[in-house]
């Protein structure tokens, strides 16, 4: 298993664990930011797995916000908008609409 896939699996396990401290969930958001920086270095399978988890994060945004809002003020974040996971309050309100697209790469070495 690649280092990226291991981090992706940790992200998936931890972001939906509402039994842990909200601070641990915030640490998971930092992990997601790290993964974003490495996104172009990932193979297609890793990218798709990460995006699949992100779809579930969006679907569960309200639960995540409720969990971490005890210790994190979304309205005072200075994180860039492209890191939408730091702005889940705006995703819930509809102020942010997350869009994505998949593309086909045909010029690949076999």
PDB file of N, CA and C in Angstrom:
ATOM      1  N   UNK A   1       0.848  -1.175   0.000  1.00  0.00           N
ATOM      2  CA  UNK A   1       0.000   0.000   0.000  1.00  0.00           C
ATOM      3  C   UNK A   1       0.897   1.242   0.000  1.00  0.00           C
ATOM      4  N   UNK A   2       0.570   2.175  -0.863  1.00  0.00           N
ATOM      5  CA  UNK A   2       1.373   3.390  -0.968  1.00  0.00           C
ATOM      6  C   UNK A   2       1.173   4.276   0.256  1.00  0.00           C
ATOM      7  N   UNK A   3       2.101   5.192   0.446  1.00  0.00           N
ATOM      8  CA  UNK A   3       1.978   6.150   1.538  1.00  0.00           C
ATOM      9  C   UNK A   3       0.741   7.015   1.395  1.00  0.00           C
ATOM     10  N   UNK A   4       0.420   7.363   0.146  1.00  0.00           N
ATOM     11  CA  UNK A   4      -0.779   8.175  -0.076  1.00  0.00           C
ATOM     12  C   UNK A   4      -2.037   7.399   0.299  1.00  0.00           C
ATOM     13  N   UNK A   5      -2.108   6.145  -0.121  1.00  0.00           N
ATOM     14  CA  UNK A   5      -3.309   5.359   0.160  1.00  0.00           C
ATOM     15  C   UNK A   5      -3.485   5.161   1.664  1.00  0.00           C
ATOM     16  N   UNK A   6      -2.389   4.992   2.368  1.00  0.00           N
ATOM     17  CA  UNK A   6      -2.480   4.845   3.824  1.00  0.00           C
ATOM     18  C   UNK A   6      -3.050   6.123   4.445  1.00  0.00           C
ATOM     19  N   UNK A   7      -2.567   7.277   4.014  1.00  0.00           N
ATOM     20  CA  UNK A   7      -3.086   8.550   4.523  1.00  0.00           C
ATOM     21  C   UNK A   7      -4.552   8.741   4.143  1.00  0.00           C
ATOM     22  N   UNK A   8      -4.902   8.320   2.944  1.00  0.00           N
ATOM     23  CA  UNK A   8      -6.295   8.432   2.486  1.00  0.00           C
ATOM     24  C   UNK A   8      -7.194   7.575   3.367  1.00  0.00           C
ATOM     25  N   UNK A   9      -6.741   6.377   3.700  1.00  0.00           N
ATOM     26  CA  UNK A   9      -7.537   5.506   4.568  1.00  0.00           C
ATOM     27  C   UNK A   9      -7.677   6.085   5.975  1.00  0.00           C
ATOM     28  N   UNK A  10      -6.617   6.693   6.468  1.00  0.00           N
ATOM     29  CA  UNK A  10      -6.696   7.349   7.785  1.00  0.00           C
ATOM     30  C   UNK A  10      -7.714   8.481   7.727  1.00  0.00           C
ATOM     31  N   UNK A  11      -7.660   9.265   6.667  1.00  0.00           N
ATOM     32  CA  UNK A  11      -8.630  10.350   6.474  1.00  0.00           C
ATOM     33  C   UNK A  11     -10.054   9.802   6.499  1.00  0.00           C
ATOM     34  N   UNK A  12     -10.282   8.725   5.767  1.00  0.00           N
ATOM     35  CA  UNK A  12     -11.627   8.146   5.694  1.00  0.00           C
ATOM     36  C   UNK A  12     -12.099   7.642   7.058  1.00  0.00           C
ATOM     37  N   UNK A  13     -11.228   6.976   7.770  1.00  0.00           N
ATOM     38  CA  UNK A  13     -11.611   6.434   9.082  1.00  0.00           C
ATOM     39  C   UNK A  13     -11.870   7.545  10.095  1.00  0.00           C
ATOM     40  N   UNK A  14     -11.011   8.539  10.088  1.00  0.00           N
ATOM     41  CA  UNK A  14     -11.062   9.553  11.143  1.00  0.00           C
ATOM     42  C   UNK A  14     -12.110  10.635  10.923  1.00  0.00           C
ATOM     43  N   UNK A  15     -12.387  11.000   9.686  1.00  0.00           N
ATOM     44  CA  UNK A  15     -13.311  12.112   9.444  1.00  0.00           C
ATOM     45  C   UNK A  15     -14.740  11.763   9.854  1.00  0.00           C
ATOM     46  N   UNK A  16     -15.071  10.490   9.842  1.00  0.00           N
ATOM     47  CA  UNK A  16     -16.429  10.063  10.191  1.00  0.00           C
ATOM     48  C   UNK A  16     -16.524   9.470  11.597  1.00  0.00           C
ATOM     49  N   UNK A  17     -15.464   9.603  12.381  1.00  0.00           N
ATOM     50  CA  UNK A  17     -15.469   9.079  13.746  1.00  0.00           C
ATOM     51  C   UNK A  17     -15.868  10.200  14.700  1.00  0.00           C
ATOM     52  N   UNK A  18     -17.137  10.224  15.062  1.00  0.00           N
ATOM     53  CA  UNK A  18     -17.658  11.296  15.903  1.00  0.00           C
ATOM     54  C   UNK A  18     -17.523  10.978  17.391  1.00  0.00           C
ATOM     55  N   UNK A  19     -16.861   9.874  17.702  1.00  0.00           N
ATOM     56  CA  UNK A  19     -16.607   9.510  19.092  1.00  0.00           C
ATOM     57  C   UNK A  19     -15.306  10.132  19.597  1.00  0.00           C
ATOM     58  N   UNK A  20     -14.465  10.586  18.674  1.00  0.00           N
ATOM     59  CA  UNK A  20     -13.181  11.165  19.066  1.00  0.00           C
ATOM     60  C   UNK A  20     -13.357  12.643  19.407  1.00  0.00           C
ATOM     61  N   UNK A  21     -12.335  13.208  19.980  1.00  0.00           N
ATOM     62  CA  UNK A  21     -12.333  14.632  20.304  1.00  0.00           C
ATOM     63  C   UNK A  21     -12.475  15.459  19.021  1.00  0.00           C
ATOM     64  N   UNK A  22     -13.178  16.583  19.081  1.00  0.00           N
ATOM     65  CA  UNK A  22     -13.260  17.466  17.912  1.00  0.00           C
ATOM     66  C   UNK A  22     -11.877  17.923  17.443  1.00  0.00           C
ATOM     67  N   UNK A  23     -10.928  18.001  18.368  1.00  0.00           N
ATOM     68  CA  UNK A  23      -9.570  18.390  17.991  1.00  0.00           C
ATOM     69  C   UNK A  23      -8.940  17.349  17.063  1.00  0.00           C
ATOM     70  N   UNK A  24      -9.257  16.089  17.287  1.00  0.00           N
ATOM     71  CA  UNK A  24      -8.755  15.032  16.406  1.00  0.00           C
ATOM     72  C   UNK A  24      -9.367  15.155  15.016  1.00  0.00           C
ATOM     73  N   UNK A  25     -10.622  15.545  14.955  1.00  0.00           N
ATOM     74  CA  UNK A  25     -11.265  15.740  13.655  1.00  0.00           C
ATOM     75  C   UNK A  25     -10.638  16.922  12.931  1.00  0.00           C
ATOM     76  N   UNK A  26     -10.293  17.961  13.659  1.00  0.00           N
ATOM     77  CA  UNK A  26      -9.599  19.099  13.050  1.00  0.00           C
ATOM     78  C   UNK A  26      -8.239  18.660  12.515  1.00  0.00           C
ATOM     79  N   UNK A  27      -7.552  17.796  13.237  1.00  0.00           N
ATOM     80  CA  UNK A  27      -6.282  17.247  12.746  1.00  0.00           C
ATOM     81  C   UNK A  27      -6.507  16.491  11.440  1.00  0.00           C
ATOM     82  N   UNK A  28      -7.648  15.848  11.320  1.00  0.00           N
ATOM     83  CA  UNK A  28      -7.986  15.133  10.087  1.00  0.00           C
ATOM     84  C   UNK A  28      -8.190  16.113   8.939  1.00  0.00           C
ATOM     85  N   UNK A  29      -8.753  17.276   9.214  1.00  0.00           N
ATOM     86  CA  UNK A  29      -8.886  18.300   8.169  1.00  0.00           C
ATOM     87  C   UNK A  29      -7.508  18.783   7.714  1.00  0.00           C
ATOM     88  N   UNK A  30      -6.567  18.873   8.641  1.00  0.00           N
ATOM     89  CA  UNK A  30      -5.190  19.222   8.264  1.00  0.00           C
ATOM     90  C   UNK A  30      -4.595  18.130   7.375  1.00  0.00           C
ATOM     91  N   UNK A  31      -4.874  16.869   7.702  1.00  0.00           N
ATOM     92  CA  UNK A  31      -4.422  15.762   6.859  1.00  0.00           C
ATOM     93  C   UNK A  31      -5.004  15.898   5.455  1.00  0.00           C
ATOM     94  N   UNK A  32      -6.271  16.283   5.363  1.00  0.00           N
ATOM     95  CA  UNK A  32      -6.896  16.462   4.037  1.00  0.00           C
ATOM     96  C   UNK A  32      -6.185  17.561   3.253  1.00  0.00           C
ATOM     97  N   UNK A  33      -5.764  18.612   3.937  1.00  0.00           N
ATOM     98  CA  UNK A  33      -5.013  19.680   3.270  1.00  0.00           C
ATOM     99  C   UNK A  33      -3.671  19.165   2.753  1.00  0.00           C
ATOM    100  N   UNK A  34      -3.012  18.314   3.524  1.00  0.00           N
ATOM    101  CA  UNK A  34      -1.760  17.694   3.071  1.00  0.00           C
ATOM    102  C   UNK A  34      -2.001  16.857   1.821  1.00  0.00           C
ATOM    103  N   UNK A  35      -3.072  16.079   1.840  1.00  0.00           N
ATOM    104  CA  UNK A  35      -3.396  15.240   0.685  1.00  0.00           C
ATOM    105  C   UNK A  35      -3.664  16.097  -0.548  1.00  0.00           C
ATOM    106  N   UNK A  36      -4.271  17.237  -0.357  1.00  0.00           N
ATOM    107  CA  UNK A  36      -4.546  18.128  -1.487  1.00  0.00           C
ATOM    108  C   UNK A  36      -3.249  18.601  -2.134  1.00  0.00           C
ATOM    109  N   UNK A  37      -2.255  18.897  -1.325  1.00  0.00           N
ATOM    110  CA  UNK A  37      -0.963  19.349  -1.855  1.00  0.00           C
ATOM    111  C   UNK A  37      -0.306  18.264  -2.700  1.00  0.00           C
ATOM    112  N   UNK A  38      -0.565  17.009  -2.374  1.00  0.00           N
ATOM    113  CA  UNK A  38       0.048  15.882  -3.083  1.00  0.00           C
ATOM    114  C   UNK A  38      -0.863  15.270  -4.145  1.00  0.00           C
ATOM    115  N   UNK A  39      -2.006  15.871  -4.389  1.00  0.00           N
ATOM    116  CA  UNK A  39      -3.009  15.263  -5.263  1.00  0.00           C
ATOM    117  C   UNK A  39      -2.446  14.909  -6.639  1.00  0.00           C
ATOM    118  N   UNK A  40      -1.670  15.794  -7.240  1.00  0.00           N
ATOM    119  CA  UNK A  40      -1.140  15.543  -8.585  1.00  0.00           C
ATOM    120  C   UNK A  40      -0.075  14.447  -8.604  1.00  0.00           C
ATOM    121  N   UNK A  41       0.487  14.131  -7.453  1.00  0.00           N
ATOM    122  CA  UNK A  41       1.492  13.064  -7.365  1.00  0.00           C
ATOM    123  C   UNK A  41       0.849  11.686  -7.217  1.00  0.00           C
ATOM    124  N   UNK A  42      -0.442  11.668  -6.908  1.00  0.00           N
ATOM    125  CA  UNK A  42      -1.149  10.403  -6.684  1.00  0.00           C
ATOM    126  C   UNK A  42      -1.478   9.729  -8.008  1.00  0.00           C
ATOM    127  N   UNK A  43      -1.579   8.395  -7.956  1.00  0.00           N
ATOM    128  CA  UNK A  43      -2.062   7.666  -9.126  1.00  0.00           C
ATOM    129  C   UNK A  43      -3.585   7.809  -9.177  1.00  0.00           C
ATOM    130  N   UNK A  44      -4.152   7.466 -10.310  1.00  0.00           N
ATOM    131  CA  UNK A  44      -5.590   7.628 -10.514  1.00  0.00           C
ATOM    132  C   UNK A  44      -6.442   6.964  -9.453  1.00  0.00           C
ATOM    133  N   UNK A  45      -6.077   5.762  -9.053  1.00  0.00           N
ATOM    134  CA  UNK A  45      -6.848   5.030  -8.042  1.00  0.00           C
ATOM    135  C   UNK A  45      -6.886   5.794  -6.719  1.00  0.00           C
ATOM    136  N   UNK A  46      -5.756   6.374  -6.348  1.00  0.00           N
ATOM    137  CA  UNK A  46      -5.689   7.141  -5.100  1.00  0.00           C
ATOM    138  C   UNK A  46      -6.530   8.410  -5.196  1.00  0.00           C
ATOM    139  N   UNK A  47      -6.435   9.080  -6.334  1.00  0.00           N
ATOM    140  CA  UNK A  47      -7.226  10.297  -6.536  1.00  0.00           C
ATOM    141  C   UNK A  47      -8.720   9.996  -6.458  1.00  0.00           C
ATOM    142  N   UNK A  48      -9.140   8.924  -7.119  1.00  0.00           N
ATOM    143  CA  UNK A  48     -10.564   8.568  -7.107  1.00  0.00           C
ATOM    144  C   UNK A  48     -11.040   8.186  -5.712  1.00  0.00           C
ATOM    145  N   UNK A  49     -10.221   7.480  -4.964  1.00  0.00           N
ATOM    146  CA  UNK A  49     -10.585   7.109  -3.592  1.00  0.00           C
ATOM    147  C   UNK A  49     -10.763   8.364  -2.743  1.00  0.00           C
ATOM    148  N   UNK A  50      -9.834   9.298  -2.865  1.00  0.00           N
ATOM    149  CA  UNK A  50      -9.921  10.537  -2.103  1.00  0.00           C
ATOM    150  C   UNK A  50     -11.178  11.323  -2.479  1.00  0.00           C
ATOM    151  N   UNK A  51     -11.453  11.428  -3.757  1.00  0.00           N
ATOM    152  CA  UNK A  51     -12.644  12.157  -4.202  1.00  0.00           C
ATOM    153  C   UNK A  51     -13.922  11.466  -3.745  1.00  0.00           C
ATOM    154  N   UNK A  52     -13.906  10.143  -3.715  1.00  0.00           N
ATOM    155  CA  UNK A  52     -15.068   9.392  -3.238  1.00  0.00           C
ATOM    156  C   UNK A  52     -15.343   9.698  -1.766  1.00  0.00           C
ATOM    157  N   UNK A  53     -14.295   9.758  -0.982  1.00  0.00           N
ATOM    158  CA  UNK A  53     -14.451  10.103   0.435  1.00  0.00           C
ATOM    159  C   UNK A  53     -14.972  11.528   0.560  1.00  0.00           C
ATOM    160  N   UNK A  54     -14.438  12.421  -0.262  1.00  0.00           N
ATOM    161  CA  UNK A  54     -14.885  13.817  -0.225  1.00  0.00           C
ATOM    162  C   UNK A  54     -16.382  13.942  -0.490  1.00  0.00           C
ATOM    163  N   UNK A  55     -16.895  13.141  -1.402  1.00  0.00           N
ATOM    164  CA  UNK A  55     -18.339  13.161  -1.670  1.00  0.00           C
ATOM    165  C   UNK A  55     -19.100  12.814  -0.391  1.00  0.00           C
ATOM    166  N   UNK A  56     -18.612  11.830   0.333  1.00  0.00           N
ATOM    167  CA  UNK A  56     -19.263  11.453   1.596  1.00  0.00           C
ATOM    168  C   UNK A  56     -19.093  12.523   2.671  1.00  0.00           C
ATOM    169  N   UNK A  57     -17.972  13.219   2.652  1.00  0.00           N
ATOM    170  CA  UNK A  57     -17.785  14.336   3.586  1.00  0.00           C
ATOM    171  C   UNK A  57     -18.832  15.408   3.305  1.00  0.00           C
ATOM    172  N   UNK A  58     -19.048  15.705   2.037  1.00  0.00           N
ATOM    173  CA  UNK A  58     -20.053  16.708   1.670  1.00  0.00           C
ATOM    174  C   UNK A  58     -21.439  16.252   2.120  1.00  0.00           C
ATOM    175  N   UNK A  59     -21.741  14.985   1.900  1.00  0.00           N
ATOM    176  CA  UNK A  59     -23.046  14.455   2.309  1.00  0.00           C
ATOM    177  C   UNK A  59     -23.234  14.509   3.825  1.00  0.00           C
ATOM    178  N   UNK A  60     -22.145  14.405   4.559  1.00  0.00           N
ATOM    179  CA  UNK A  60     -22.197  14.380   6.027  1.00  0.00           C
ATOM    180  C   UNK A  60     -21.682  15.676   6.647  1.00  0.00           C
ATOM    181  N   UNK A  61     -21.672  16.728   5.870  1.00  0.00           N
ATOM    182  CA  UNK A  61     -21.099  17.998   6.329  1.00  0.00           C
ATOM    183  C   UNK A  61     -21.741  18.488   7.621  1.00  0.00           C
ATOM    184  N   UNK A  62     -23.041  18.372   7.726  1.00  0.00           N
ATOM    185  CA  UNK A  62     -23.732  18.871   8.918  1.00  0.00           C
ATOM    186  C   UNK A  62     -23.252  18.138  10.177  1.00  0.00           C
ATOM    187  N   UNK A  63     -23.085  16.826  10.088  1.00  0.00           N
ATOM    188  CA  UNK A  63     -22.607  16.053  11.241  1.00  0.00           C
ATOM    189  C   UNK A  63     -21.193  16.478  11.633  1.00  0.00           C
ATOM    190  N   UNK A  64     -20.358  16.679  10.633  1.00  0.00           N
ATOM    191  CA  UNK A  64     -18.971  17.068  10.895  1.00  0.00           C
ATOM    192  C   UNK A  64     -18.930  18.456  11.530  1.00  0.00           C
ATOM    193  N   UNK A  65     -19.706  19.381  10.976  1.00  0.00           N
ATOM    194  CA  UNK A  65     -19.764  20.739  11.533  1.00  0.00           C
ATOM    195  C   UNK A  65     -20.268  20.704  12.970  1.00  0.00           C
ATOM    196  N   UNK A  66     -21.318  19.960  13.214  1.00  0.00           N
ATOM    197  CA  UNK A  66     -21.850  19.867  14.577  1.00  0.00           C
ATOM    198  C   UNK A  66     -20.807  19.327  15.547  1.00  0.00           C
ATOM    199  N   UNK A  67     -20.012  18.388  15.067  1.00  0.00           N
ATOM    200  CA  UNK A  67     -19.000  17.767  15.925  1.00  0.00           C
ATOM    201  C   UNK A  67     -17.871  18.735  16.273  1.00  0.00           C
ATOM    202  N   UNK A  68     -17.366  19.461  15.285  1.00  0.00           N
ATOM    203  CA  UNK A  68     -16.173  20.277  15.565  1.00  0.00           C
ATOM    204  C   UNK A  68     -16.476  21.733  15.895  1.00  0.00           C
ATOM    205  N   UNK A  69     -17.706  22.164  15.719  1.00  0.00           N
ATOM    206  CA  UNK A  69     -18.014  23.573  15.993  1.00  0.00           C
ATOM    207  C   UNK A  69     -17.885  23.918  17.476  1.00  0.00           C
ATOM    208  N   UNK A  70     -17.821  22.909  18.324  1.00  0.00           N
ATOM    209  CA  UNK A  70     -17.567  23.151  19.753  1.00  0.00           C
ATOM    210  C   UNK A  70     -16.215  23.829  19.968  1.00  0.00           C
ATOM    211  N   UNK A  71     -15.263  23.528  19.089  1.00  0.00           N
ATOM    212  CA  UNK A  71     -13.896  24.019  19.281  1.00  0.00           C
ATOM    213  C   UNK A  71     -13.355  24.794  18.077  1.00  0.00           C
ATOM    214  N   UNK A  72     -14.090  24.835  16.980  1.00  0.00           N
ATOM    215  CA  UNK A  72     -13.607  25.477  15.756  1.00  0.00           C
ATOM    216  C   UNK A  72     -14.658  26.448  15.250  1.00  0.00           C
ATOM    217  N   UNK A  73     -14.231  27.682  15.023  1.00  0.00           N
ATOM    218  CA  UNK A  73     -15.129  28.715  14.511  1.00  0.00           C
ATOM    219  C   UNK A  73     -14.940  28.822  13.001  1.00  0.00           C
ATOM    220  N   UNK A  74     -15.852  28.234  12.262  1.00  0.00           N
ATOM    221  CA  UNK A  74     -15.754  28.240  10.808  1.00  0.00           C
ATOM    222  C   UNK A  74     -15.709  29.656  10.245  1.00  0.00           C
ATOM    223  N   UNK A  75     -16.413  30.583  10.871  1.00  0.00           N
ATOM    224  CA  UNK A  75     -16.507  31.941  10.326  1.00  0.00           C
ATOM    225  C   UNK A  75     -15.186  32.701  10.415  1.00  0.00           C
ATOM    226  N   UNK A  76     -14.254  32.228  11.218  1.00  0.00           N
ATOM    227  CA  UNK A  76     -12.980  32.939  11.356  1.00  0.00           C
ATOM    228  C   UNK A  76     -11.821  32.223  10.661  1.00  0.00           C
ATOM    229  N   UNK A  77     -12.122  31.242   9.837  1.00  0.00           N
ATOM    230  CA  UNK A  77     -11.044  30.508   9.174  1.00  0.00           C
ATOM    231  C   UNK A  77     -10.322  31.396   8.166  1.00  0.00           C
ATOM    232  N   UNK A  78      -9.030  31.188   8.056  1.00  0.00           N
ATOM    233  CA  UNK A  78      -8.240  31.896   7.057  1.00  0.00           C
ATOM    234  C   UNK A  78      -7.749  30.938   5.971  1.00  0.00           C
ATOM    235  N   UNK A  79      -8.338  29.769   5.927  1.00  0.00           N
ATOM    236  CA  UNK A  79      -7.948  28.765   4.935  1.00  0.00           C
ATOM    237  C   UNK A  79      -8.495  29.168   3.565  1.00  0.00           C
ATOM    238  N   UNK A  80      -7.761  28.842   2.499  1.00  0.00           N
ATOM    239  CA  UNK A  80      -8.234  29.207   1.155  1.00  0.00           C
ATOM    240  C   UNK A  80      -9.546  28.494   0.812  1.00  0.00           C
ATOM    241  N   UNK A  81     -10.358  29.161   0.007  1.00  0.00           N
ATOM    242  CA  UNK A  81     -11.662  28.599  -0.361  1.00  0.00           C
ATOM    243  C   UNK A  81     -11.535  27.289  -1.118  1.00  0.00           C
ATOM    244  N   UNK A  82     -10.434  27.105  -1.852  1.00  0.00           N
ATOM    245  CA  UNK A  82     -10.283  25.842  -2.591  1.00  0.00           C
ATOM    246  C   UNK A  82     -10.182  24.652  -1.641  1.00  0.00           C
ATOM    247  N   UNK A  83      -9.816  24.917  -0.383  1.00  0.00           N
ATOM    248  CA  UNK A  83      -9.828  23.873   0.644  1.00  0.00           C
ATOM    249  C   UNK A  83     -11.185  23.929   1.342  1.00  0.00           C
ATOM    250  N   UNK A  84     -12.188  23.526   0.595  1.00  0.00           N
ATOM    251  CA  UNK A  84     -13.593  23.664   1.008  1.00  0.00           C
ATOM    252  C   UNK A  84     -13.906  22.946   2.318  1.00  0.00           C
ATOM    253  N   UNK A  85     -13.133  21.932   2.688  1.00  0.00           N
ATOM    254  CA  UNK A  85     -13.398  21.170   3.920  1.00  0.00           C
ATOM    255  C   UNK A  85     -13.240  22.051   5.165  1.00  0.00           C
ATOM    256  N   UNK A  86     -12.549  23.176   5.040  1.00  0.00           N
ATOM    257  CA  UNK A  86     -12.456  24.134   6.145  1.00  0.00           C
ATOM    258  C   UNK A  86     -13.647  25.085   6.160  1.00  0.00           C
ATOM    259  N   UNK A  87     -14.507  24.965   5.178  1.00  0.00           N
ATOM    260  CA  UNK A  87     -15.656  25.865   5.022  1.00  0.00           C
ATOM    261  C   UNK A  87     -16.957  25.068   4.934  1.00  0.00           C
ATOM    262  N   UNK A  88     -17.043  23.987   5.677  1.00  0.00           N
ATOM    263  CA  UNK A  88     -18.225  23.125   5.586  1.00  0.00           C
ATOM    264  C   UNK A  88     -19.501  23.854   5.982  1.00  0.00           C
ATOM    265  N   UNK A  89     -19.392  24.876   6.808  1.00  0.00           N
ATOM    266  CA  UNK A  89     -20.572  25.675   7.144  1.00  0.00           C
ATOM    267  C   UNK A  89     -21.157  26.331   5.898  1.00  0.00           C
ATOM    268  N   UNK A  90     -20.281  26.770   4.995  1.00  0.00           N
ATOM    269  CA  UNK A  90     -20.726  27.404   3.749  1.00  0.00           C
ATOM    270  C   UNK A  90     -21.243  26.364   2.758  1.00  0.00           C
ATOM    271  N   UNK A  91     -20.722  25.161   2.841  1.00  0.00           N
ATOM    272  CA  UNK A  91     -21.246  24.067   2.011  1.00  0.00           C
ATOM    273  C   UNK A  91     -22.681  23.772   2.441  1.00  0.00           C
ATOM    274  N   UNK A  92     -22.910  23.711   3.743  1.00  0.00           N
ATOM    275  CA  UNK A  92     -24.248  23.436   4.272  1.00  0.00           C
ATOM    276  C   UNK A  92     -25.230  24.531   3.878  1.00  0.00           C
ATOM    277  N   UNK A  93     -24.793  25.788   3.989  1.00  0.00           N
ATOM    278  CA  UNK A  93     -25.695  26.915   3.714  1.00  0.00           C
ATOM    279  C   UNK A  93     -25.958  27.105   2.226  1.00  0.00           C
ATOM    280  N   UNK A  94     -25.146  26.476   1.384  1.00  0.00           N
ATOM    281  CA  UNK A  94     -25.295  26.642  -0.054  1.00  0.00           C
ATOM    282  C   UNK A  94     -24.464  27.790  -0.604  1.00  0.00           C
ATOM    283  N   UNK A  95     -23.742  28.474   0.278  1.00  0.00           N
ATOM    284  CA  UNK A  95     -22.869  29.558  -0.166  1.00  0.00           C
ATOM    285  C   UNK A  95     -21.735  29.012  -1.037  1.00  0.00           C
ATOM    286  N   UNK A  96     -21.267  27.812  -0.709  1.00  0.00           N
ATOM    287  CA  UNK A  96     -20.283  27.104  -1.524  1.00  0.00           C
ATOM    288  C   UNK A  96     -20.982  25.922  -2.179  1.00  0.00           C
ATOM    289  N   UNK A  97     -20.798  25.783  -3.468  1.00  0.00           N
ATOM    290  CA  UNK A  97     -21.282  24.617  -4.197  1.00  0.00           C
ATOM    291  C   UNK A  97     -20.044  23.892  -4.711  1.00  0.00           C
ATOM    292  N   UNK A  98     -19.911  22.654  -4.331  1.00  0.00           N
ATOM    293  CA  UNK A  98     -18.747  21.870  -4.724  1.00  0.00           C
ATOM    294  C   UNK A  98     -19.050  21.196  -6.052  1.00  0.00           C
ATOM    295  N   UNK A  99     -18.170  21.436  -7.012  1.00  0.00           N
ATOM    296  CA  UNK A  99     -18.321  20.818  -8.330  1.00  0.00           C
ATOM    297  C   UNK A  99     -17.054  20.036  -8.630  1.00  0.00           C
ATOM    298  N   UNK A 100     -17.183  19.059  -9.454  1.00  0.00           N
ATOM    299  CA  UNK A 100     -16.014  18.281  -9.835  1.00  0.00           C
ATOM    300  C   UNK A 100     -16.216  17.687 -11.207  1.00  0.00           C
ATOM    301  N   UNK A 101     -15.122  17.295 -11.787  1.00  0.00           N
ATOM    302  CA  UNK A 101     -15.230  16.605 -13.060  1.00  0.00           C
ATOM    303  C   UNK A 101     -14.146  15.542 -13.141  1.00  0.00           C
ATOM    304  N   UNK A 102     -14.463  14.512 -13.837  1.00  0.00           N
ATOM    305  CA  UNK A 102     -13.516  13.437 -14.082  1.00  0.00           C
ATOM    306  C   UNK A 102     -13.061  13.571 -15.523  1.00  0.00           C
ATOM    307  N   UNK A 103     -11.849  13.174 -15.793  1.00  0.00           N
ATOM    308  CA  UNK A 103     -11.366  13.263 -17.160  1.00  0.00           C
ATOM    309  C   UNK A 103     -10.680  11.961 -17.541  1.00  0.00           C
ATOM    310  N   UNK A 104     -10.615  11.759 -18.829  1.00  0.00           N
ATOM    311  CA  UNK A 104      -9.988  10.559 -19.376  1.00  0.00           C
ATOM    312  C   UNK A 104      -8.596  10.932 -19.855  1.00  0.00           C
ATOM    313  N   UNK A 105      -7.628  10.132 -19.494  1.00  0.00           N
ATOM    314  CA  UNK A 105      -6.265  10.322 -19.958  1.00  0.00           C
ATOM    315  C   UNK A 105      -5.958   9.170 -20.899  1.00  0.00           C
ATOM    316  N   UNK A 106      -5.644   9.488 -22.133  1.00  0.00           N
ATOM    317  CA  UNK A 106      -5.420   8.433 -23.124  1.00  0.00           C
ATOM    318  C   UNK A 106      -3.955   8.246 -23.485  1.00  0.00           C
ATOM    319  N   UNK A 107      -3.134   9.231 -23.221  1.00  0.00           N
ATOM    320  CA  UNK A 107      -1.723   9.155 -23.580  1.00  0.00           C
ATOM    321  C   UNK A 107      -0.924   8.689 -22.365  1.00  0.00           C
ATOM    322  N   UNK A 108      -1.061   7.403 -22.053  1.00  0.00           N
ATOM    323  CA  UNK A 108      -0.378   6.858 -20.884  1.00  0.00           C
ATOM    324  C   UNK A 108       0.542   5.722 -21.304  1.00  0.00           C
ATOM    325  N   UNK A 109       1.644   5.623 -20.615  1.00  0.00           N
ATOM    326  CA  UNK A 109       2.580   4.527 -20.888  1.00  0.00           C
ATOM    327  C   UNK A 109       2.063   3.264 -20.217  1.00  0.00           C
ATOM    328  N   UNK A 110       2.106   2.168 -20.931  1.00  0.00           N
ATOM    329  CA  UNK A 110       1.638   0.900 -20.370  1.00  0.00           C
ATOM    330  C   UNK A 110       2.749   0.118 -19.759  1.00  0.00           C
TER     331      UNK A 110
END
